[in-house]
Amino acid sequence: MDHMIFIFLFGARVLKSCSALLDDLDKELNTYSMRVKEWYGLHFPELAKVITDNIQFAKVVKQLGPRTQIAKVELNRVVEEGVADEIRAAAQVSMGTDISQEDIDHIVELCDQVLEVSTYREQLYEYVKNRMRAIAPNLTVLVGELVGARLISHAGSLLNLAKHPASTVQILGAEKALFRALKSKKQTPKYGLIYHASLVGQTAPKFKGKISRVLANKAALAIRVDALGDKDTKPVGAEGLEQVQLRMRQLEGDFTTTMSKTPTGKQKKKYEKPAHGSTAGTYNAAADSTLGEMEVEPPAPAESKEKKEKKDKKDKKDKKDKKKKREQEEENNGEEKKSKKRKHEDDNGDEENVKKKKKH
């Protein structure tokens, strides 16, 4: 038992190293291939338009050498007949410059390096596939060998990955973006390393976040089964894969659940009004069935809503006008009262002045 645990932990650490090495090999292959195209492009620039694959390009350059010898070279060994004819036609009208044999020798050596690294990369990938199928078979079924190996590598081990909840598995690998979003109070990322899974790549862009969440839920369960299960544990990878694919079809509209309904039928009433002269109503048991005819009440037409809104606006405006008119009338009444009072006071003052004059 201890020996099996040691093999299990050792395999998880090996996966961490292998996944990192695969990433490094991919970078080296891209760099070397770019240098081959750049260097040989000075001599034969049209070849890069005919052959876009980096490994195939290196094979053709190694087989071809200088473009002036294209009539003597059998390109059918590395490419198809149609592609070989295109290369010959492009070589006859090429605008590249002539280069020395020493340059050709260095370019061929660089092509050998590209092919060797590519061969080793394929061997390492096969090793990772076999190791992942032995250590995490359920996770491999869901997300693939490379994505599963990267998740294990990022977590440190399969047991550490099993301790993470599904929400963490979903954004694993996007920690910088997560903390940056939390700090700036913006939207958090929807996916991390799981974005490179084939199921997420097959989904429409607007549904990638939802599918990545569903896939992370199933992957978290698969990881725990792989890490903590035994030989008697039921596999969950294939079942989870079917559920994720079903969810994809639901979101894309291919899977629809329908109910039997008639647009013109009338809805059955569960409680019927009592008959004339009766004091109790009757319950219609047939209305309990959801398989019968159903009436879908049509929504209120847009025109009635607009009319109602216009009517409400008009009522509000009328109320404001009435209130304003009432306030204006109150102000006018107040001014009239003040003017009458002022006039009355002036009249009283004039009478007193007249009386005083008469006394004098």
Protein backbone atom coordinates (compact mmCIF):
# COMPACT_ATOMS: atom_id res chain seq x y z
CA MET A 1 0.00 0.00 0.00
CA ASP A 2 2.80 2.41 0.84
CA HIS A 3 4.47 1.50 -2.42
CA MET A 4 1.27 2.41 -4.35
CA ILE A 5 0.99 5.75 -2.56
CA PHE A 6 4.62 6.51 -3.41
CA ILE A 7 4.00 5.73 -7.09
CA PHE A 8 0.87 7.88 -7.03
CA LEU A 9 2.63 10.92 -5.55
CA PHE A 10 5.67 10.42 -7.77
CA GLY A 11 3.46 10.29 -10.86
CA ALA A 12 1.79 13.59 -9.93
CA ARG A 13 5.17 15.29 -9.55
CA VAL A 14 6.35 13.83 -12.84
CA LEU A 15 3.28 15.26 -14.54
CA LYS A 16 4.17 18.69 -13.17
CA SER A 17 7.64 18.50 -14.73
CA CYS A 18 6.38 17.03 -18.01
CA SER A 19 3.67 19.65 -18.52
CA ALA A 20 6.19 22.44 -17.89
CA LEU A 21 8.65 20.78 -20.27
CA LEU A 22 5.97 20.50 -22.97
CA ASP A 23 5.33 24.24 -22.71
CA ASP A 24 9.05 24.94 -23.02
CA LEU A 25 9.35 22.66 -26.05
CA ASP A 26 6.44 24.41 -27.75
CA LYS A 27 8.16 27.78 -27.24
CA GLU A 28 11.45 26.44 -28.61
CA LEU A 29 9.73 24.93 -31.64
CA ASN A 30 7.98 28.19 -32.42
CA THR A 31 11.23 30.15 -32.09
CA TYR A 32 13.27 27.75 -34.25
CA SER A 33 10.56 27.51 -36.90
CA MET A 34 10.30 31.28 -37.09
CA ARG A 35 14.09 31.54 -37.62
CA VAL A 36 13.98 28.90 -40.37
CA LYS A 37 11.24 30.79 -42.23
CA GLU A 38 13.02 34.10 -41.75
CA TRP A 39 16.40 32.81 -42.92
CA TYR A 40 15.20 30.68 -45.83
CA GLY A 41 12.66 33.36 -46.75
CA LEU A 42 15.49 35.55 -48.02
CA HIS A 43 16.17 32.89 -50.65
CA PHE A 44 12.66 31.53 -51.32
CA PRO A 45 9.95 33.77 -49.69
CA GLU A 46 7.05 32.23 -51.67
CA LEU A 47 7.47 28.84 -49.95
CA ALA A 48 5.98 30.13 -46.68
CA LYS A 49 2.71 30.97 -48.48
CA VAL A 50 2.44 27.49 -49.99
CA ILE A 51 3.29 25.58 -46.77
CA THR A 52 2.05 27.02 -43.48
CA ASP A 53 2.82 24.10 -41.13
CA ASN A 54 6.13 24.61 -39.33
CA ILE A 55 7.21 20.96 -39.25
CA GLN A 56 6.27 20.40 -42.89
CA PHE A 57 8.13 23.57 -43.85
CA ALA A 58 11.30 22.30 -42.17
CA LYS A 59 11.00 18.94 -43.97
CA VAL A 60 10.60 20.63 -47.36
CA VAL A 61 13.55 22.98 -46.79
CA LYS A 62 15.76 20.07 -45.73
CA GLN A 63 14.75 18.08 -48.81
CA LEU A 64 14.89 21.01 -51.24
CA GLY A 65 18.03 22.95 -50.37
CA PRO A 66 18.64 25.75 -52.92
CA ARG A 67 15.60 26.48 -55.06
CA THR A 68 17.74 26.19 -58.20
CA GLN A 69 17.93 22.42 -57.67
CA ILE A 70 14.16 21.95 -57.50
CA ALA A 71 14.12 20.03 -60.80
CA LYS A 72 16.46 17.40 -59.35
CA VAL A 73 14.69 17.01 -55.97
CA GLU A 74 11.81 14.57 -55.37
CA LEU A 75 9.40 16.56 -53.24
CA ASN A 76 6.78 13.82 -53.42
CA ARG A 77 8.49 12.12 -50.48
CA VAL A 78 7.51 14.89 -48.05
CA VAL A 79 4.45 16.58 -49.65
CA GLU A 80 1.58 15.65 -51.94
CA GLU A 81 1.79 15.91 -55.71
CA GLY A 82 -0.38 19.01 -55.96
CA VAL A 83 1.62 20.87 -53.32
CA ALA A 84 4.86 19.85 -55.01
CA ASP A 85 3.64 21.34 -58.30
CA GLU A 86 2.80 24.61 -56.53
CA ILE A 87 6.29 24.74 -55.02
CA ARG A 88 7.91 24.17 -58.44
CA ALA A 89 5.77 26.88 -60.03
CA ALA A 90 6.61 29.34 -57.23
CA ALA A 91 10.35 28.55 -57.49
CA GLN A 92 10.41 29.52 -61.16
CA VAL A 93 9.08 33.04 -60.49
CA SER A 94 10.63 33.55 -57.04
CA MET A 95 11.93 37.02 -56.15
CA GLY A 96 14.34 35.78 -53.48
CA THR A 97 18.05 36.51 -53.48
CA ASP A 98 20.82 33.97 -54.00
CA ILE A 99 22.57 32.66 -50.90
CA SER A 100 25.76 30.68 -50.43
CA GLN A 101 26.03 26.97 -49.80
CA GLU A 102 27.29 27.69 -46.29
CA ASP A 103 24.01 29.43 -45.47
CA ILE A 104 22.07 26.49 -46.85
CA ASP A 105 24.09 24.12 -44.65
CA HIS A 106 23.28 26.12 -41.50
CA ILE A 107 19.59 26.30 -42.47
CA VAL A 108 19.48 22.53 -42.98
CA GLU A 109 21.10 21.98 -39.57
CA LEU A 110 18.49 24.25 -38.00
CA CYS A 111 15.77 22.21 -39.74
CA ASP A 112 17.29 19.07 -38.22
CA GLN A 113 17.03 20.66 -34.78
CA VAL A 114 13.36 21.51 -35.39
CA LEU A 115 12.57 17.96 -36.47
CA GLU A 116 14.44 16.43 -33.53
CA VAL A 117 12.68 18.64 -30.99
CA SER A 118 9.35 17.89 -32.68
CA THR A 119 9.97 14.14 -32.49
CA TYR A 120 10.91 14.34 -28.81
CA ARG A 121 7.86 16.49 -28.13
CA GLU A 122 5.58 13.84 -29.64
CA GLN A 123 7.22 11.13 -27.52
CA LEU A 124 6.84 13.21 -24.37
CA TYR A 125 3.19 13.91 -25.20
CA GLU A 126 2.50 10.18 -25.54
CA TYR A 127 4.16 9.63 -22.17
CA VAL A 128 1.97 12.33 -20.56
CA LYS A 129 -1.15 10.78 -22.12
CA ASN A 130 -0.36 7.35 -20.71
CA ARG A 131 0.54 8.77 -17.31
CA MET A 132 -2.64 10.89 -17.12
CA ARG A 133 -4.81 7.91 -18.04
CA ALA A 134 -3.23 5.97 -15.19
CA ILE A 135 -3.31 8.72 -12.52
CA ALA A 136 -6.41 10.81 -13.38
CA PRO A 137 -8.57 8.93 -15.90
CA ASN A 138 -11.83 10.75 -15.05
CA LEU A 139 -10.24 14.18 -15.29
CA THR A 140 -8.60 13.20 -18.60
CA VAL A 141 -11.97 12.27 -20.11
CA LEU A 142 -13.39 15.70 -19.22
CA VAL A 143 -10.63 18.18 -20.02
CA GLY A 144 -7.98 16.22 -21.91
CA GLU A 145 -4.44 15.17 -21.08
CA LEU A 146 -2.62 18.49 -21.42
CA VAL A 147 -5.17 20.64 -19.56
CA GLY A 148 -5.42 18.04 -16.80
CA ALA A 149 -1.63 17.88 -16.47
CA ARG A 150 -1.44 21.68 -16.29
CA LEU A 151 -4.12 21.81 -13.59
CA ILE A 152 -2.21 19.23 -11.53
CA SER A 153 1.05 21.09 -12.17
CA HIS A 154 -0.46 24.39 -11.06
CA ALA A 155 -1.92 22.91 -7.87
CA GLY A 156 1.27 21.01 -6.99
CA SER A 157 -0.25 17.54 -6.86
CA LEU A 158 -3.48 15.72 -7.58
CA LEU A 159 -4.32 15.61 -3.85
CA ASN A 160 -3.88 19.38 -3.53
CA LEU A 161 -6.08 19.87 -6.61
CA ALA A 162 -8.77 17.66 -5.04
CA LYS A 163 -8.91 20.02 -2.04
CA HIS A 164 -9.93 22.96 -4.22
CA PRO A 165 -13.63 23.75 -4.71
CA ALA A 166 -15.14 23.90 -8.19
CA SER A 167 -15.02 27.72 -8.24
CA THR A 168 -11.27 27.61 -7.67
CA VAL A 169 -10.75 24.93 -10.33
CA GLN A 170 -12.63 27.17 -12.77
CA ILE A 171 -10.27 30.15 -12.38
CA LEU A 172 -7.09 28.21 -11.57
CA GLY A 173 -4.29 29.87 -13.52
CA ALA A 174 -5.92 33.33 -13.57
CA GLU A 175 -5.00 34.43 -10.06
CA LYS A 176 -3.39 37.69 -11.16
CA ALA A 177 -6.47 38.72 -13.11
CA LEU A 178 -8.69 37.73 -10.16
CA PHE A 179 -6.85 39.81 -7.57
CA ARG A 180 -6.52 42.72 -9.98
CA ALA A 181 -10.28 42.64 -10.55
CA LEU A 182 -11.00 42.45 -6.82
CA LYS A 183 -8.66 45.35 -6.14
CA SER A 184 -10.17 47.55 -8.85
CA LYS A 185 -13.75 46.36 -8.11
CA LYS A 186 -14.32 45.10 -11.64
CA GLN A 187 -15.68 41.84 -13.05
CA THR A 188 -13.71 38.76 -12.00
CA PRO A 189 -12.39 36.31 -14.66
CA LYS A 190 -14.68 33.47 -15.75
CA TYR A 191 -12.01 30.87 -16.51
CA GLY A 192 -8.33 30.10 -16.21
CA LEU A 193 -6.48 27.03 -17.50
CA ILE A 194 -9.82 25.29 -18.10
CA TYR A 195 -10.39 27.68 -21.01
CA HIS A 196 -8.09 25.49 -23.15
CA ALA A 197 -10.31 22.42 -22.75
CA SER A 198 -11.89 21.21 -25.97
CA LEU A 199 -15.44 21.50 -24.59
CA VAL A 200 -14.99 25.20 -23.82
CA GLY A 201 -13.34 25.79 -27.19
CA GLN A 202 -16.32 24.27 -29.02
CA THR A 203 -18.78 26.60 -27.29
CA ALA A 204 -19.99 29.93 -28.64
CA PRO A 205 -18.19 32.93 -27.07
CA LYS A 206 -21.26 34.13 -25.16
CA PHE A 207 -21.67 30.71 -23.49
CA LYS A 208 -18.01 30.01 -22.62
CA GLY A 209 -18.40 31.29 -19.05
CA LYS A 210 -21.42 29.09 -18.34
CA ILE A 211 -19.86 25.98 -19.88
CA SER A 212 -16.60 26.56 -18.00
CA ARG A 213 -18.55 26.72 -14.73
CA VAL A 214 -20.41 23.47 -15.51
CA LEU A 215 -17.19 21.80 -16.64
CA ALA A 216 -15.38 22.94 -13.47
CA ASN A 217 -18.14 21.42 -11.31
CA LYS A 218 -17.83 18.05 -13.04
CA ALA A 219 -14.02 18.26 -13.09
CA ALA A 220 -13.90 18.92 -9.32
CA LEU A 221 -15.93 15.76 -8.72
CA ALA A 222 -13.76 13.76 -11.14
CA ILE A 223 -10.56 14.98 -9.44
CA ARG A 224 -11.79 13.83 -6.02
CA VAL A 225 -12.72 10.43 -7.41
CA ASP A 226 -9.28 10.09 -9.02
CA ALA A 227 -7.41 11.24 -5.92
CA LEU A 228 -9.41 9.55 -3.16
CA GLY A 229 -11.22 6.70 -4.87
CA ASP A 230 -10.17 3.08 -5.10
CA LYS A 231 -10.64 0.30 -7.64
CA ASP A 232 -14.28 -0.18 -6.59
CA THR A 233 -15.19 3.49 -7.09
CA LYS A 234 -17.57 4.10 -9.97
CA PRO A 235 -16.05 6.21 -12.83
CA VAL A 236 -17.70 9.61 -13.23
CA GLY A 237 -15.78 11.07 -16.16
CA ALA A 238 -17.97 9.77 -19.00
CA GLU A 239 -21.18 10.65 -17.16
CA GLY A 240 -19.95 14.18 -16.46
CA LEU A 241 -18.92 14.58 -20.10
CA GLU A 242 -22.43 13.69 -21.25
CA GLN A 243 -23.97 16.18 -18.83
CA VAL A 244 -21.69 18.99 -20.01
CA GLN A 245 -22.49 18.19 -23.66
CA LEU A 246 -26.20 18.18 -22.82
CA ARG A 247 -25.84 21.60 -21.22
CA MET A 248 -24.06 22.84 -24.34
CA ARG A 249 -26.96 21.69 -26.52
CA GLN A 250 -29.44 23.35 -24.19
CA LEU A 251 -27.63 26.69 -24.39
CA GLU A 252 -27.29 26.52 -28.16
CA GLY A 253 -30.98 25.74 -28.60
CA ASP A 254 -30.65 22.23 -30.04
CA PHE A 255 -32.27 20.63 -27.01
CA THR A 256 -35.76 21.97 -26.22
CA THR A 257 -38.39 20.77 -23.81
CA THR A 258 -41.94 21.44 -24.99
CA MET A 259 -45.36 21.20 -23.37
CA SER A 260 -48.57 20.22 -25.13
CA LYS A 261 -50.57 23.39 -25.58
CA THR A 262 -53.09 24.83 -28.00
CA PRO A 263 -52.92 28.57 -28.65
CA THR A 264 -56.66 28.91 -29.25
CA GLY A 265 -57.97 26.62 -26.48
CA LYS A 266 -59.49 27.79 -23.24
CA GLN A 267 -57.90 27.09 -19.90
CA LYS A 268 -59.81 24.67 -17.69
CA LYS A 269 -60.94 26.22 -14.46
CA LYS A 270 -60.16 24.26 -11.33
CA TYR A 271 -63.02 25.81 -9.34
CA GLU A 272 -66.34 26.36 -11.06
CA LYS A 273 -68.93 28.85 -9.89
CA PRO A 274 -71.92 27.42 -8.04
CA ALA A 275 -75.04 26.88 -10.08
CA HIS A 276 -78.14 29.01 -9.61
CA GLY A 277 -79.75 28.17 -6.34
CA SER A 278 -76.77 26.18 -5.06
CA THR A 279 -74.64 27.20 -2.10
CA ALA A 280 -71.44 25.22 -2.90
CA GLY A 281 -69.17 25.13 -5.91
CA THR A 282 -67.69 22.08 -7.59
CA TYR A 283 -64.00 21.25 -8.09
CA ASN A 284 -62.94 20.29 -11.59
CA ALA A 285 -60.38 17.48 -11.16
CA ALA A 286 -59.64 17.34 -14.91
CA ALA A 287 -57.98 20.73 -14.64
CA ASP A 288 -55.13 19.21 -12.60
CA SER A 289 -53.62 17.59 -15.68
CA THR A 290 -50.85 19.54 -17.41
CA LEU A 291 -51.14 17.45 -20.58
CA GLY A 292 -54.47 18.86 -21.68
CA GLU A 293 -55.23 22.05 -23.41
CA MET A 294 -53.82 25.18 -21.90
CA GLU A 295 -54.64 28.73 -22.65
CA VAL A 296 -51.74 31.07 -22.88
CA GLU A 297 -53.02 34.51 -22.07
CA PRO A 298 -51.65 36.96 -24.59
CA PRO A 299 -49.54 39.74 -23.14
CA ALA A 300 -50.90 43.22 -23.06
CA PRO A 301 -50.38 44.87 -26.44
CA ALA A 302 -47.73 47.50 -26.71
CA GLU A 303 -50.23 50.11 -27.86
CA SER A 304 -52.38 49.86 -24.70
CA LYS A 305 -49.27 50.25 -22.56
CA GLU A 306 -48.25 53.34 -24.47
CA LYS A 307 -51.75 54.78 -24.18
CA LYS A 308 -51.76 54.07 -20.47
CA GLU A 309 -48.40 55.79 -20.05
CA LYS A 310 -49.63 58.79 -22.04
CA LYS A 311 -52.79 58.91 -19.94
CA ASP A 312 -50.79 58.80 -16.71
CA LYS A 313 -48.56 61.60 -17.94
CA LYS A 314 -51.59 63.65 -18.93
CA ASP A 315 -53.23 63.12 -15.52
CA LYS A 316 -50.07 64.15 -13.75
CA LYS A 317 -49.83 67.25 -15.92
CA ASP A 318 -53.48 68.14 -15.24
CA LYS A 319 -52.94 67.75 -11.51
CA LYS A 320 -49.91 70.02 -11.66
CA ASP A 321 -51.86 72.62 -13.67
CA LYS A 322 -54.78 72.52 -11.23
CA LYS A 323 -52.47 72.85 -8.28
CA LYS A 324 -50.65 75.74 -9.92
CA LYS A 325 -53.95 77.42 -10.78
CA ARG A 326 -55.19 76.98 -7.21
CA GLU A 327 -52.00 78.49 -5.81
CA GLN A 328 -52.31 81.39 -8.25
CA GLU A 329 -55.90 82.02 -7.19
CA GLU A 330 -54.92 81.93 -3.54
CA GLU A 331 -52.18 84.45 -4.20
CA ASN A 332 -54.60 86.71 -6.10
CA ASN A 333 -57.16 86.49 -3.29
CA GLY A 334 -54.51 87.33 -0.76
CA GLU A 335 -53.40 90.37 -2.75
CA GLU A 336 -57.01 91.56 -3.11
CA LYS A 337 -57.55 91.29 0.63
CA LYS A 338 -54.36 93.19 1.30
CA SER A 339 -55.32 95.94 -1.17
CA LYS A 340 -58.80 96.25 0.36
CA LYS A 341 -57.34 96.46 3.85
CA ARG A 342 -54.84 99.06 2.72
CA LYS A 343 -57.62 101.08 1.05
CA HIS A 344 -59.76 100.86 4.16
CA GLU A 345 -56.90 102.11 6.28
CA ASP A 346 -56.30 105.01 3.86
CA ASP A 347 -59.99 105.97 3.96
CA ASN A 348 -60.00 105.98 7.76
CA GLY A 349 -56.92 108.16 7.76
CA ASP A 350 -58.55 110.68 5.39
CA GLU A 351 -61.67 110.91 7.59
CA GLU A 352 -59.55 111.63 10.65
CA ASN A 353 -57.68 114.36 8.78
CA VAL A 354 -60.97 115.98 7.74
CA LYS A 355 -62.26 115.92 11.28
CA LYS A 356 -59.06 117.55 12.56
CA LYS A 357 -59.36 120.33 10.00
CA LYS A 358 -62.97 121.01 10.98
CA LYS A 359 -61.99 121.35 14.65
CA HIS A 360 -59.35 123.89 13.76
